[in-house]
Amino acid sequence: MQFMLSVIDDGTGPSTPVEDAAIDVFNSKLQTEGYWVFAGGLGSPEPATVIDNRGAEVVFTDGPFVESKEYLAGFWIIEADDLDIALKLGAEGSKCCNRKVEVRPFL
């Protein structure tokens, strides 16, 4: 079963060298223990563009799709046998990156 562990930044900004090192260790653990599928970090939402092509014409809007002090800063896609394992790994990820992490299963 695959899960997305979403890293939520609440305005703390870019990670510190200590956090980067802890994230590298966590990434290595995920790879070594067979949970790793994919991961990535994201920049701040300010330069984002939202595209809405549901109507007669495509609409491009500068900025994030929602105004919030919290935003998606990165993610891990993992393969785990069940939600309990995913939650345990999410807790470890939250500790290493010093940010909140949301755990959600793929459909």
PDB file of N, CA and C in Angstrom:
ATOM      1  N   MET A   1       0.854  -1.173   0.000  1.00  0.00           N
ATOM      2  CA  MET A   1       0.000   0.000   0.000  1.00  0.00           C
ATOM      3  C   MET A   1       0.901   1.237   0.000  1.00  0.00           C
ATOM      4  N   GLN A   2       0.564   2.221  -0.823  1.00  0.00           N
ATOM      5  CA  GLN A   2       1.369   3.435  -0.881  1.00  0.00           C
ATOM      6  C   GLN A   2       0.721   4.570  -0.102  1.00  0.00           C
ATOM      7  N   PHE A   3       1.576   5.378   0.508  1.00  0.00           N
ATOM      8  CA  PHE A   3       1.165   6.528   1.302  1.00  0.00           C
ATOM      9  C   PHE A   3       1.986   7.729   0.900  1.00  0.00           C
ATOM     10  N   MET A   4       1.380   8.905   1.045  1.00  0.00           N
ATOM     11  CA  MET A   4       2.105  10.156   0.866  1.00  0.00           C
ATOM     12  C   MET A   4       2.286  10.792   2.231  1.00  0.00           C
ATOM     13  N   LEU A   5       3.524  11.091   2.564  1.00  0.00           N
ATOM     14  CA  LEU A   5       3.840  11.812   3.786  1.00  0.00           C
ATOM     15  C   LEU A   5       4.129  13.248   3.370  1.00  0.00           C
ATOM     16  N   SER A   6       3.194  14.148   3.621  1.00  0.00           N
ATOM     17  CA  SER A   6       3.314  15.544   3.194  1.00  0.00           C
ATOM     18  C   SER A   6       3.951  16.372   4.302  1.00  0.00           C
ATOM     19  N   VAL A   7       4.998  17.093   3.960  1.00  0.00           N
ATOM     20  CA  VAL A   7       5.673  17.972   4.909  1.00  0.00           C
ATOM     21  C   VAL A   7       4.990  19.335   4.865  1.00  0.00           C
ATOM     22  N   ILE A   8       4.535  19.810   6.013  1.00  0.00           N
ATOM     23  CA  ILE A   8       3.788  21.059   6.103  1.00  0.00           C
ATOM     24  C   ILE A   8       4.659  22.120   6.772  1.00  0.00           C
ATOM     25  N   ASP A   9       4.969  23.167   6.034  1.00  0.00           N
ATOM     26  CA  ASP A   9       5.751  24.275   6.572  1.00  0.00           C
ATOM     27  C   ASP A   9       4.782  25.346   7.049  1.00  0.00           C
ATOM     28  N   ASP A  10       4.983  25.823   8.261  1.00  0.00           N
ATOM     29  CA  ASP A  10       4.099  26.851   8.814  1.00  0.00           C
ATOM     30  C   ASP A  10       4.798  28.197   8.923  1.00  0.00           C
ATOM     31  N   GLY A  11       5.723  28.434   7.991  1.00  0.00           N
ATOM     32  CA  GLY A  11       6.424  29.710   7.974  1.00  0.00           C
ATOM     33  C   GLY A  11       7.840  29.643   8.489  1.00  0.00           C
ATOM     34  N   THR A  12       8.302  28.436   8.796  1.00  0.00           N
ATOM     35  CA  THR A  12       9.664  28.303   9.307  1.00  0.00           C
ATOM     36  C   THR A  12      10.708  28.513   8.218  1.00  0.00           C
ATOM     37  N   GLY A  13      10.303  28.393   6.959  1.00  0.00           N
ATOM     38  CA  GLY A  13      11.224  28.648   5.858  1.00  0.00           C
ATOM     39  C   GLY A  13      12.076  27.450   5.511  1.00  0.00           C
ATOM     40  N   PRO A  14      13.144  27.702   4.760  1.00  0.00           N
ATOM     41  CA  PRO A  14      14.006  26.600   4.299  1.00  0.00           C
ATOM     42  C   PRO A  14      14.603  25.815   5.470  1.00  0.00           C
ATOM     43  N   SER A  15      14.902  24.565   5.206  1.00  0.00           N
ATOM     44  CA  SER A  15      15.476  23.722   6.250  1.00  0.00           C
ATOM     45  C   SER A  15      16.894  24.164   6.591  1.00  0.00           C
ATOM     46  N   THR A  16      17.282  23.850   7.811  1.00  0.00           N
ATOM     47  CA  THR A  16      18.631  24.172   8.287  1.00  0.00           C
ATOM     48  C   THR A  16      19.582  23.048   7.891  1.00  0.00           C
ATOM     49  N   PRO A  17      20.895  23.268   7.969  1.00  0.00           N
ATOM     50  CA  PRO A  17      21.845  22.184   7.686  1.00  0.00           C
ATOM     51  C   PRO A  17      21.641  20.961   8.595  1.00  0.00           C
ATOM     52  N   VAL A  18      21.273  21.193   9.846  1.00  0.00           N
ATOM     53  CA  VAL A  18      21.016  20.081  10.772  1.00  0.00           C
ATOM     54  C   VAL A  18      19.799  19.285  10.308  1.00  0.00           C
ATOM     55  N   GLU A  19      18.735  19.990   9.917  1.00  0.00           N
ATOM     56  CA  GLU A  19      17.531  19.315   9.419  1.00  0.00           C
ATOM     57  C   GLU A  19      17.837  18.568   8.118  1.00  0.00           C
ATOM     58  N   ASP A  20      18.606  19.190   7.231  1.00  0.00           N
ATOM     59  CA  ASP A  20      18.982  18.522   5.975  1.00  0.00           C
ATOM     60  C   ASP A  20      19.717  17.215   6.241  1.00  0.00           C
ATOM     61  N   ALA A  21      20.633  17.233   7.204  1.00  0.00           N
ATOM     62  CA  ALA A  21      21.381  16.022   7.548  1.00  0.00           C
ATOM     63  C   ALA A  21      20.453  14.948   8.112  1.00  0.00           C
ATOM     64  N   ALA A  22      19.514  15.346   8.967  1.00  0.00           N
ATOM     65  CA  ALA A  22      18.562  14.386   9.539  1.00  0.00           C
ATOM     66  C   ALA A  22      17.644  13.816   8.457  1.00  0.00           C
ATOM     67  N   ILE A  23      17.250  14.647   7.513  1.00  0.00           N
ATOM     68  CA  ILE A  23      16.415  14.185   6.402  1.00  0.00           C
ATOM     69  C   ILE A  23      17.187  13.173   5.551  1.00  0.00           C
ATOM     70  N   ASP A  24      18.470  13.431   5.310  1.00  0.00           N
ATOM     71  CA  ASP A  24      19.301  12.485   4.549  1.00  0.00           C
ATOM     72  C   ASP A  24      19.362  11.124   5.242  1.00  0.00           C
ATOM     73  N   VAL A  25      19.506  11.136   6.560  1.00  0.00           N
ATOM     74  CA  VAL A  25      19.539   9.882   7.333  1.00  0.00           C
ATOM     75  C   VAL A  25      18.191   9.168   7.211  1.00  0.00           C
ATOM     76  N   PHE A  26      17.101   9.906   7.347  1.00  0.00           N
ATOM     77  CA  PHE A  26      15.764   9.314   7.233  1.00  0.00           C
ATOM     78  C   PHE A  26      15.542   8.742   5.833  1.00  0.00           C
ATOM     79  N   ASN A  27      15.945   9.496   4.796  1.00  0.00           N
ATOM     80  CA  ASN A  27      15.820   8.997   3.422  1.00  0.00           C
ATOM     81  C   ASN A  27      16.591   7.688   3.246  1.00  0.00           C
ATOM     82  N   SER A  28      17.794   7.622   3.783  1.00  0.00           N
ATOM     83  CA  SER A  28      18.600   6.392   3.697  1.00  0.00           C
ATOM     84  C   SER A  28      17.904   5.233   4.394  1.00  0.00           C
ATOM     85  N   LYS A  29      17.296   5.511   5.563  1.00  0.00           N
ATOM     86  CA  LYS A  29      16.558   4.466   6.278  1.00  0.00           C
ATOM     87  C   LYS A  29      15.396   3.956   5.438  1.00  0.00           C
ATOM     88  N   LEU A  30      14.627   4.876   4.846  1.00  0.00           N
ATOM     89  CA  LEU A  30      13.496   4.463   4.010  1.00  0.00           C
ATOM     90  C   LEU A  30      13.965   3.585   2.854  1.00  0.00           C
ATOM     91  N   GLN A  31      15.085   3.948   2.244  1.00  0.00           N
ATOM     92  CA  GLN A  31      15.620   3.174   1.122  1.00  0.00           C
ATOM     93  C   GLN A  31      16.115   1.808   1.586  1.00  0.00           C
ATOM     94  N   THR A  32      16.887   1.785   2.652  1.00  0.00           N
ATOM     95  CA  THR A  32      17.469   0.546   3.164  1.00  0.00           C
ATOM     96  C   THR A  32      16.397  -0.439   3.618  1.00  0.00           C
ATOM     97  N   GLU A  33      15.338   0.067   4.245  1.00  0.00           N
ATOM     98  CA  GLU A  33      14.290  -0.799   4.788  1.00  0.00           C
ATOM     99  C   GLU A  33      13.168  -1.096   3.789  1.00  0.00           C
ATOM    100  N   GLY A  34      13.299  -0.606   2.548  1.00  0.00           N
ATOM    101  CA  GLY A  34      12.361  -0.959   1.494  1.00  0.00           C
ATOM    102  C   GLY A  34      11.066  -0.165   1.452  1.00  0.00           C
ATOM    103  N   TYR A  35      10.999   0.971   2.164  1.00  0.00           N
ATOM    104  CA  TYR A  35       9.792   1.794   2.155  1.00  0.00           C
ATOM    105  C   TYR A  35       9.811   2.846   1.045  1.00  0.00           C
ATOM    106  N   TRP A  36      10.978   3.218   0.587  1.00  0.00           N
ATOM    107  CA  TRP A  36      11.177   4.332  -0.342  1.00  0.00           C
ATOM    108  C   TRP A  36      10.536   4.075  -1.697  1.00  0.00           C
ATOM    109  N   VAL A  37       9.741   5.038  -2.176  1.00  0.00           N
ATOM    110  CA  VAL A  37       9.268   5.051  -3.555  1.00  0.00           C
ATOM    111  C   VAL A  37       9.826   6.294  -4.233  1.00  0.00           C
ATOM    112  N   PHE A  38       9.589   7.465  -3.616  1.00  0.00           N
ATOM    113  CA  PHE A  38      10.018   8.729  -4.198  1.00  0.00           C
ATOM    114  C   PHE A  38       9.877   9.814  -3.148  1.00  0.00           C
ATOM    115  N   ALA A  39      10.672  10.878  -3.263  1.00  0.00           N
ATOM    116  CA  ALA A  39      10.540  12.025  -2.358  1.00  0.00           C
ATOM    117  C   ALA A  39      10.974  13.283  -3.085  1.00  0.00           C
ATOM    118  N   GLY A  40      10.528  14.418  -2.584  1.00  0.00           N
ATOM    119  CA  GLY A  40      10.941  15.684  -3.164  1.00  0.00           C
ATOM    120  C   GLY A  40      10.608  16.846  -2.264  1.00  0.00           C
ATOM    121  N   GLY A  41      11.360  17.900  -2.424  1.00  0.00           N
ATOM    122  CA  GLY A  41      11.100  19.138  -1.709  1.00  0.00           C
ATOM    123  C   GLY A  41      10.505  20.149  -2.666  1.00  0.00           C
ATOM    124  N   LEU A  42       9.745  21.075  -2.130  1.00  0.00           N
ATOM    125  CA  LEU A  42       9.107  22.109  -2.937  1.00  0.00           C
ATOM    126  C   LEU A  42       9.496  23.484  -2.415  1.00  0.00           C
ATOM    127  N   GLY A  43       9.587  24.444  -3.324  1.00  0.00           N
ATOM    128  CA  GLY A  43       9.857  25.814  -2.932  1.00  0.00           C
ATOM    129  C   GLY A  43       8.624  26.451  -2.310  1.00  0.00           C
ATOM    130  N   SER A  44       8.766  27.685  -1.898  1.00  0.00           N
ATOM    131  CA  SER A  44       7.636  28.406  -1.307  1.00  0.00           C
ATOM    132  C   SER A  44       6.536  28.602  -2.350  1.00  0.00           C
ATOM    133  N   PRO A  45       5.300  28.817  -1.920  1.00  0.00           N
ATOM    134  CA  PRO A  45       4.185  28.911  -2.859  1.00  0.00           C
ATOM    135  C   PRO A  45       4.064  30.254  -3.590  1.00  0.00           C
ATOM    136  N   GLU A  46       4.809  31.272  -3.192  1.00  0.00           N
ATOM    137  CA  GLU A  46       4.649  32.590  -3.801  1.00  0.00           C
ATOM    138  C   GLU A  46       4.775  32.576  -5.330  1.00  0.00           C
ATOM    139  N   PRO A  47       5.750  31.878  -5.925  1.00  0.00           N
ATOM    140  CA  PRO A  47       5.858  31.922  -7.395  1.00  0.00           C
ATOM    141  C   PRO A  47       4.938  30.924  -8.121  1.00  0.00           C
ATOM    142  N   ALA A  48       4.041  30.272  -7.388  1.00  0.00           N
ATOM    143  CA  ALA A  48       3.159  29.270  -7.994  1.00  0.00           C
ATOM    144  C   ALA A  48       2.172  29.911  -8.965  1.00  0.00           C
ATOM    145  N   THR A  49       1.702  29.119  -9.902  1.00  0.00           N
ATOM    146  CA  THR A  49       0.642  29.527 -10.819  1.00  0.00           C
ATOM    147  C   THR A  49      -0.451  28.466 -10.777  1.00  0.00           C
ATOM    148  N   VAL A  50      -1.687  28.898 -10.606  1.00  0.00           N
ATOM    149  CA  VAL A  50      -2.835  27.992 -10.603  1.00  0.00           C
ATOM    150  C   VAL A  50      -3.488  28.074 -11.980  1.00  0.00           C
ATOM    151  N   ILE A  51      -3.772  26.911 -12.574  1.00  0.00           N
ATOM    152  CA  ILE A  51      -4.383  26.839 -13.894  1.00  0.00           C
ATOM    153  C   ILE A  51      -5.765  26.218 -13.758  1.00  0.00           C
ATOM    154  N   ASP A  52      -6.779  26.906 -14.303  1.00  0.00           N
ATOM    155  CA  ASP A  52      -8.148  26.387 -14.290  1.00  0.00           C
ATOM    156  C   ASP A  52      -8.641  26.331 -15.740  1.00  0.00           C
ATOM    157  N   ASN A  53      -8.733  25.136 -16.275  1.00  0.00           N
ATOM    158  CA  ASN A  53      -9.173  24.942 -17.652  1.00  0.00           C
ATOM    159  C   ASN A  53     -10.515  24.213 -17.694  1.00  0.00           C
ATOM    160  N   ARG A  54     -11.385  24.502 -16.715  1.00  0.00           N
ATOM    161  CA  ARG A  54     -12.691  23.841 -16.657  1.00  0.00           C
ATOM    162  C   ARG A  54     -13.749  24.563 -17.469  1.00  0.00           C
ATOM    163  N   GLY A  55     -13.508  25.805 -17.821  1.00  0.00           N
ATOM    164  CA  GLY A  55     -14.514  26.590 -18.541  1.00  0.00           C
ATOM    165  C   GLY A  55     -14.177  26.717 -20.018  1.00  0.00           C
ATOM    166  N   ALA A  56     -14.753  27.751 -20.633  1.00  0.00           N
ATOM    167  CA  ALA A  56     -14.551  27.993 -22.067  1.00  0.00           C
ATOM    168  C   ALA A  56     -13.123  28.423 -22.379  1.00  0.00           C
ATOM    169  N   GLU A  57     -12.463  29.092 -21.421  1.00  0.00           N
ATOM    170  CA  GLU A  57     -11.102  29.553 -21.616  1.00  0.00           C
ATOM    171  C   GLU A  57     -10.254  29.181 -20.402  1.00  0.00           C
ATOM    172  N   VAL A  58      -8.987  28.939 -20.662  1.00  0.00           N
ATOM    173  CA  VAL A  58      -8.075  28.629 -19.571  1.00  0.00           C
ATOM    174  C   VAL A  58      -7.758  29.910 -18.804  1.00  0.00           C
ATOM    175  N   VAL A  59      -7.726  29.801 -17.467  1.00  0.00           N
ATOM    176  CA  VAL A  59      -7.436  30.941 -16.604  1.00  0.00           C
ATOM    177  C   VAL A  59      -6.169  30.625 -15.812  1.00  0.00           C
ATOM    178  N   PHE A  60      -5.194  31.528 -15.886  1.00  0.00           N
ATOM    179  CA  PHE A  60      -3.958  31.413 -15.126  1.00  0.00           C
ATOM    180  C   PHE A  60      -3.986  32.447 -14.007  1.00  0.00           C
ATOM    181  N   THR A  61      -3.734  32.015 -12.768  1.00  0.00           N
ATOM    182  CA  THR A  61      -3.737  32.912 -11.624  1.00  0.00           C
ATOM    183  C   THR A  61      -2.400  32.792 -10.907  1.00  0.00           C
ATOM    184  N   ASP A  62      -1.741  33.916 -10.681  1.00  0.00           N
ATOM    185  CA  ASP A  62      -0.477  33.903  -9.941  1.00  0.00           C
ATOM    186  C   ASP A  62      -0.742  33.628  -8.470  1.00  0.00           C
ATOM    187  N   GLY A  63       0.185  32.909  -7.865  1.00  0.00           N
ATOM    188  CA  GLY A  63       0.110  32.658  -6.436  1.00  0.00           C
ATOM    189  C   GLY A  63      -0.479  31.304  -6.114  1.00  0.00           C
ATOM    190  N   PRO A  64      -0.421  30.925  -4.858  1.00  0.00           N
ATOM    191  CA  PRO A  64      -0.924  29.608  -4.443  1.00  0.00           C
ATOM    192  C   PRO A  64      -2.441  29.509  -4.587  1.00  0.00           C
ATOM    193  N   PHE A  65      -2.938  28.273  -4.629  1.00  0.00           N
ATOM    194  CA  PHE A  65      -4.374  28.065  -4.801  1.00  0.00           C
ATOM    195  C   PHE A  65      -5.165  28.427  -3.564  1.00  0.00           C
ATOM    196  N   VAL A  66      -4.508  28.535  -2.427  1.00  0.00           N
ATOM    197  CA  VAL A  66      -5.192  28.936  -1.197  1.00  0.00           C
ATOM    198  C   VAL A  66      -4.246  29.829  -0.398  1.00  0.00           C
ATOM    199  N   GLU A  67      -4.797  30.865   0.207  1.00  0.00           N
ATOM    200  CA  GLU A  67      -3.999  31.751   1.054  1.00  0.00           C
ATOM    201  C   GLU A  67      -3.939  31.138   2.451  1.00  0.00           C
ATOM    202  N   SER A  68      -2.741  30.804   2.866  1.00  0.00           N
ATOM    203  CA  SER A  68      -2.565  30.172   4.164  1.00  0.00           C
ATOM    204  C   SER A  68      -1.135  30.367   4.620  1.00  0.00           C
ATOM    205  N   LYS A  69      -0.919  30.392   5.925  1.00  0.00           N
ATOM    206  CA  LYS A  69       0.455  30.486   6.402  1.00  0.00           C
ATOM    207  C   LYS A  69       1.138  29.113   6.343  1.00  0.00           C
ATOM    208  N   GLU A  70       0.362  28.048   6.211  1.00  0.00           N
ATOM    209  CA  GLU A  70       0.920  26.705   6.063  1.00  0.00           C
ATOM    210  C   GLU A  70       0.871  26.299   4.596  1.00  0.00           C
ATOM    211  N   TYR A  71       1.904  25.590   4.166  1.00  0.00           N
ATOM    212  CA  TYR A  71       1.933  25.123   2.785  1.00  0.00           C
ATOM    213  C   TYR A  71       2.746  23.841   2.664  1.00  0.00           C
ATOM    214  N   LEU A  72       2.520  23.135   1.574  1.00  0.00           N
ATOM    215  CA  LEU A  72       3.230  21.894   1.293  1.00  0.00           C
ATOM    216  C   LEU A  72       4.666  22.222   0.913  1.00  0.00           C
ATOM    217  N   ALA A  73       5.611  21.738   1.710  1.00  0.00           N
ATOM    218  CA  ALA A  73       7.024  22.044   1.501  1.00  0.00           C
ATOM    219  C   ALA A  73       7.800  20.867   0.918  1.00  0.00           C
ATOM    220  N   GLY A  74       7.223  19.688   0.960  1.00  0.00           N
ATOM    221  CA  GLY A  74       7.888  18.507   0.431  1.00  0.00           C
ATOM    222  C   GLY A  74       7.054  17.279   0.723  1.00  0.00           C
ATOM    223  N   PHE A  75       7.564  16.131   0.301  1.00  0.00           N
ATOM    224  CA  PHE A  75       6.794  14.913   0.491  1.00  0.00           C
ATOM    225  C   PHE A  75       7.686  13.688   0.345  1.00  0.00           C
ATOM    226  N   TRP A  76       7.200  12.605   0.908  1.00  0.00           N
ATOM    227  CA  TRP A  76       7.743  11.266   0.671  1.00  0.00           C
ATOM    228  C   TRP A  76       6.601  10.407   0.163  1.00  0.00           C
ATOM    229  N   ILE A  77       6.855   9.598  -0.822  1.00  0.00           N
ATOM    230  CA  ILE A  77       5.927   8.550  -1.227  1.00  0.00           C
ATOM    231  C   ILE A  77       6.553   7.256  -0.732  1.00  0.00           C
ATOM    232  N   ILE A  78       5.814   6.532   0.094  1.00  0.00           N
ATOM    233  CA  ILE A  78       6.361   5.300   0.680  1.00  0.00           C
ATOM    234  C   ILE A  78       5.453   4.115   0.358  1.00  0.00           C
ATOM    235  N   GLU A  79       6.022   2.946   0.475  1.00  0.00           N
ATOM    236  CA  GLU A  79       5.302   1.674   0.369  1.00  0.00           C
ATOM    237  C   GLU A  79       5.368   1.038   1.750  1.00  0.00           C
ATOM    238  N   ALA A  80       4.209   0.818   2.370  1.00  0.00           N
ATOM    239  CA  ALA A  80       4.158   0.218   3.706  1.00  0.00           C
ATOM    240  C   ALA A  80       3.012  -0.787   3.753  1.00  0.00           C
ATOM    241  N   ASP A  81       3.141  -1.800   4.592  1.00  0.00           N
ATOM    242  CA  ASP A  81       2.124  -2.841   4.688  1.00  0.00           C
ATOM    243  C   ASP A  81       0.789  -2.336   5.229  1.00  0.00           C
ATOM    244  N   ASP A  82       0.850  -1.315   6.119  1.00  0.00           N
ATOM    245  CA  ASP A  82      -0.396  -0.824   6.701  1.00  0.00           C
ATOM    246  C   ASP A  82      -0.230   0.595   7.232  1.00  0.00           C
ATOM    247  N   LEU A  83      -1.346   1.171   7.660  1.00  0.00           N
ATOM    248  CA  LEU A  83      -1.367   2.550   8.148  1.00  0.00           C
ATOM    249  C   LEU A  83      -0.507   2.729   9.387  1.00  0.00           C
ATOM    250  N   ASP A  84      -0.461   1.734  10.274  1.00  0.00           N
ATOM    251  CA  ASP A  84       0.340   1.863  11.492  1.00  0.00           C
ATOM    252  C   ASP A  84       1.807   2.104  11.162  1.00  0.00           C
ATOM    253  N   ILE A  85       2.332   1.378  10.189  1.00  0.00           N
ATOM    254  CA  ILE A  85       3.729   1.568   9.784  1.00  0.00           C
ATOM    255  C   ILE A  85       3.901   2.950   9.167  1.00  0.00           C
ATOM    256  N   ALA A  86       2.958   3.359   8.312  1.00  0.00           N
ATOM    257  CA  ALA A  86       3.036   4.677   7.683  1.00  0.00           C
ATOM    258  C   ALA A  86       3.008   5.792   8.732  1.00  0.00           C
ATOM    259  N   LEU A  87       2.174   5.644   9.754  1.00  0.00           N
ATOM    260  CA  LEU A  87       2.105   6.648  10.814  1.00  0.00           C
ATOM    261  C   LEU A  87       3.410   6.704  11.605  1.00  0.00           C
ATOM    262  N   LYS A  88       4.002   5.556  11.873  1.00  0.00           N
ATOM    263  CA  LYS A  88       5.289   5.510  12.576  1.00  0.00           C
ATOM    264  C   LYS A  88       6.357   6.221  11.759  1.00  0.00           C
ATOM    265  N   LEU A  89       6.396   5.941  10.454  1.00  0.00           N
ATOM    266  CA  LEU A  89       7.368   6.599   9.586  1.00  0.00           C
ATOM    267  C   LEU A  89       7.071   8.091   9.460  1.00  0.00           C
ATOM    268  N   GLY A  90       5.797   8.458   9.425  1.00  0.00           N
ATOM    269  CA  GLY A  90       5.432   9.872   9.394  1.00  0.00           C
ATOM    270  C   GLY A  90       5.919  10.610  10.627  1.00  0.00           C
ATOM    271  N   ALA A  91       5.822   9.965  11.782  1.00  0.00           N
ATOM    272  CA  ALA A  91       6.310  10.567  13.027  1.00  0.00           C
ATOM    273  C   ALA A  91       7.824  10.764  12.978  1.00  0.00           C
ATOM    274  N   GLU A  92       8.534   9.779  12.437  1.00  0.00           N
ATOM    275  CA  GLU A  92       9.990   9.901  12.288  1.00  0.00           C
ATOM    276  C   GLU A  92      10.338  11.015  11.306  1.00  0.00           C
ATOM    277  N   GLY A  93       9.589  11.097  10.210  1.00  0.00           N
ATOM    278  CA  GLY A  93       9.825  12.151   9.228  1.00  0.00           C
ATOM    279  C   GLY A  93       9.590  13.530   9.817  1.00  0.00           C
ATOM    280  N   SER A  94       8.534  13.673  10.609  1.00  0.00           N
ATOM    281  CA  SER A  94       8.226  14.944  11.256  1.00  0.00           C
ATOM    282  C   SER A  94       9.364  15.376  12.178  1.00  0.00           C
ATOM    283  N   LYS A  95       9.905  14.420  12.913  1.00  0.00           N
ATOM    284  CA  LYS A  95      11.006  14.713  13.840  1.00  0.00           C
ATOM    285  C   LYS A  95      12.240  15.168  13.080  1.00  0.00           C
ATOM    286  N   CYS A  96      12.584  14.454  12.002  1.00  0.00           N
ATOM    287  CA  CYS A  96      13.833  14.769  11.300  1.00  0.00           C
ATOM    288  C   CYS A  96      13.763  16.089  10.550  1.00  0.00           C
ATOM    289  N   CYS A  97      12.611  16.441   9.985  1.00  0.00           N
ATOM    290  CA  CYS A  97      12.534  17.692   9.214  1.00  0.00           C
ATOM    291  C   CYS A  97      12.031  18.857  10.054  1.00  0.00           C
ATOM    292  N   ASN A  98      11.633  18.579  11.295  1.00  0.00           N
ATOM    293  CA  ASN A  98      11.182  19.612  12.227  1.00  0.00           C
ATOM    294  C   ASN A  98       9.961  20.364  11.704  1.00  0.00           C
ATOM    295  N   ARG A  99       9.046  19.604  11.095  1.00  0.00           N
ATOM    296  CA  ARG A  99       7.823  20.164  10.548  1.00  0.00           C
ATOM    297  C   ARG A  99       6.686  19.166  10.776  1.00  0.00           C
ATOM    298  N   LYS A 100       5.450  19.626  10.654  1.00  0.00           N
ATOM    299  CA  LYS A 100       4.326  18.702  10.716  1.00  0.00           C
ATOM    300  C   LYS A 100       4.319  17.850   9.451  1.00  0.00           C
ATOM    301  N   VAL A 101       3.804  16.631   9.589  1.00  0.00           N
ATOM    302  CA  VAL A 101       3.680  15.715   8.443  1.00  0.00           C
ATOM    303  C   VAL A 101       2.270  15.147   8.425  1.00  0.00           C
ATOM    304  N   GLU A 102       1.643  15.202   7.271  1.00  0.00           N
ATOM    305  CA  GLU A 102       0.323  14.592   7.073  1.00  0.00           C
ATOM    306  C   GLU A 102       0.508  13.271   6.329  1.00  0.00           C
ATOM    307  N   VAL A 103      -0.127  12.215   6.818  1.00  0.00           N
ATOM    308  CA  VAL A 103      -0.044  10.888   6.190  1.00  0.00           C
ATOM    309  C   VAL A 103      -1.382  10.580   5.514  1.00  0.00           C
ATOM    310  N   ARG A 104      -1.316  10.269   4.206  1.00  0.00           N
ATOM    311  CA  ARG A 104      -2.542   9.944   3.468  1.00  0.00           C
ATOM    312  C   ARG A 104      -2.288   8.759   2.545  1.00  0.00           C
ATOM    313  N   PRO A 105      -3.217   7.798   2.511  1.00  0.00           N
ATOM    314  CA  PRO A 105      -3.063   6.663   1.598  1.00  0.00           C
ATOM    315  C   PRO A 105      -3.444   7.063   0.170  1.00  0.00           C
ATOM    316  N   PHE A 106      -2.809   6.410  -0.785  1.00  0.00           N
ATOM    317  CA  PHE A 106      -3.239   6.558  -2.175  1.00  0.00           C
ATOM    318  C   PHE A 106      -4.496   5.732  -2.386  1.00  0.00           C
ATOM    319  N   LEU A 107      -5.338   6.147  -3.317  1.00  0.00           N
ATOM    320  CA  LEU A 107      -6.549   5.397  -3.635  1.00  0.00           C
ATOM    321  C   LEU A 107      -6.202   4.158  -4.445  1.00  0.00           C
TER     322      LEU A 107
END
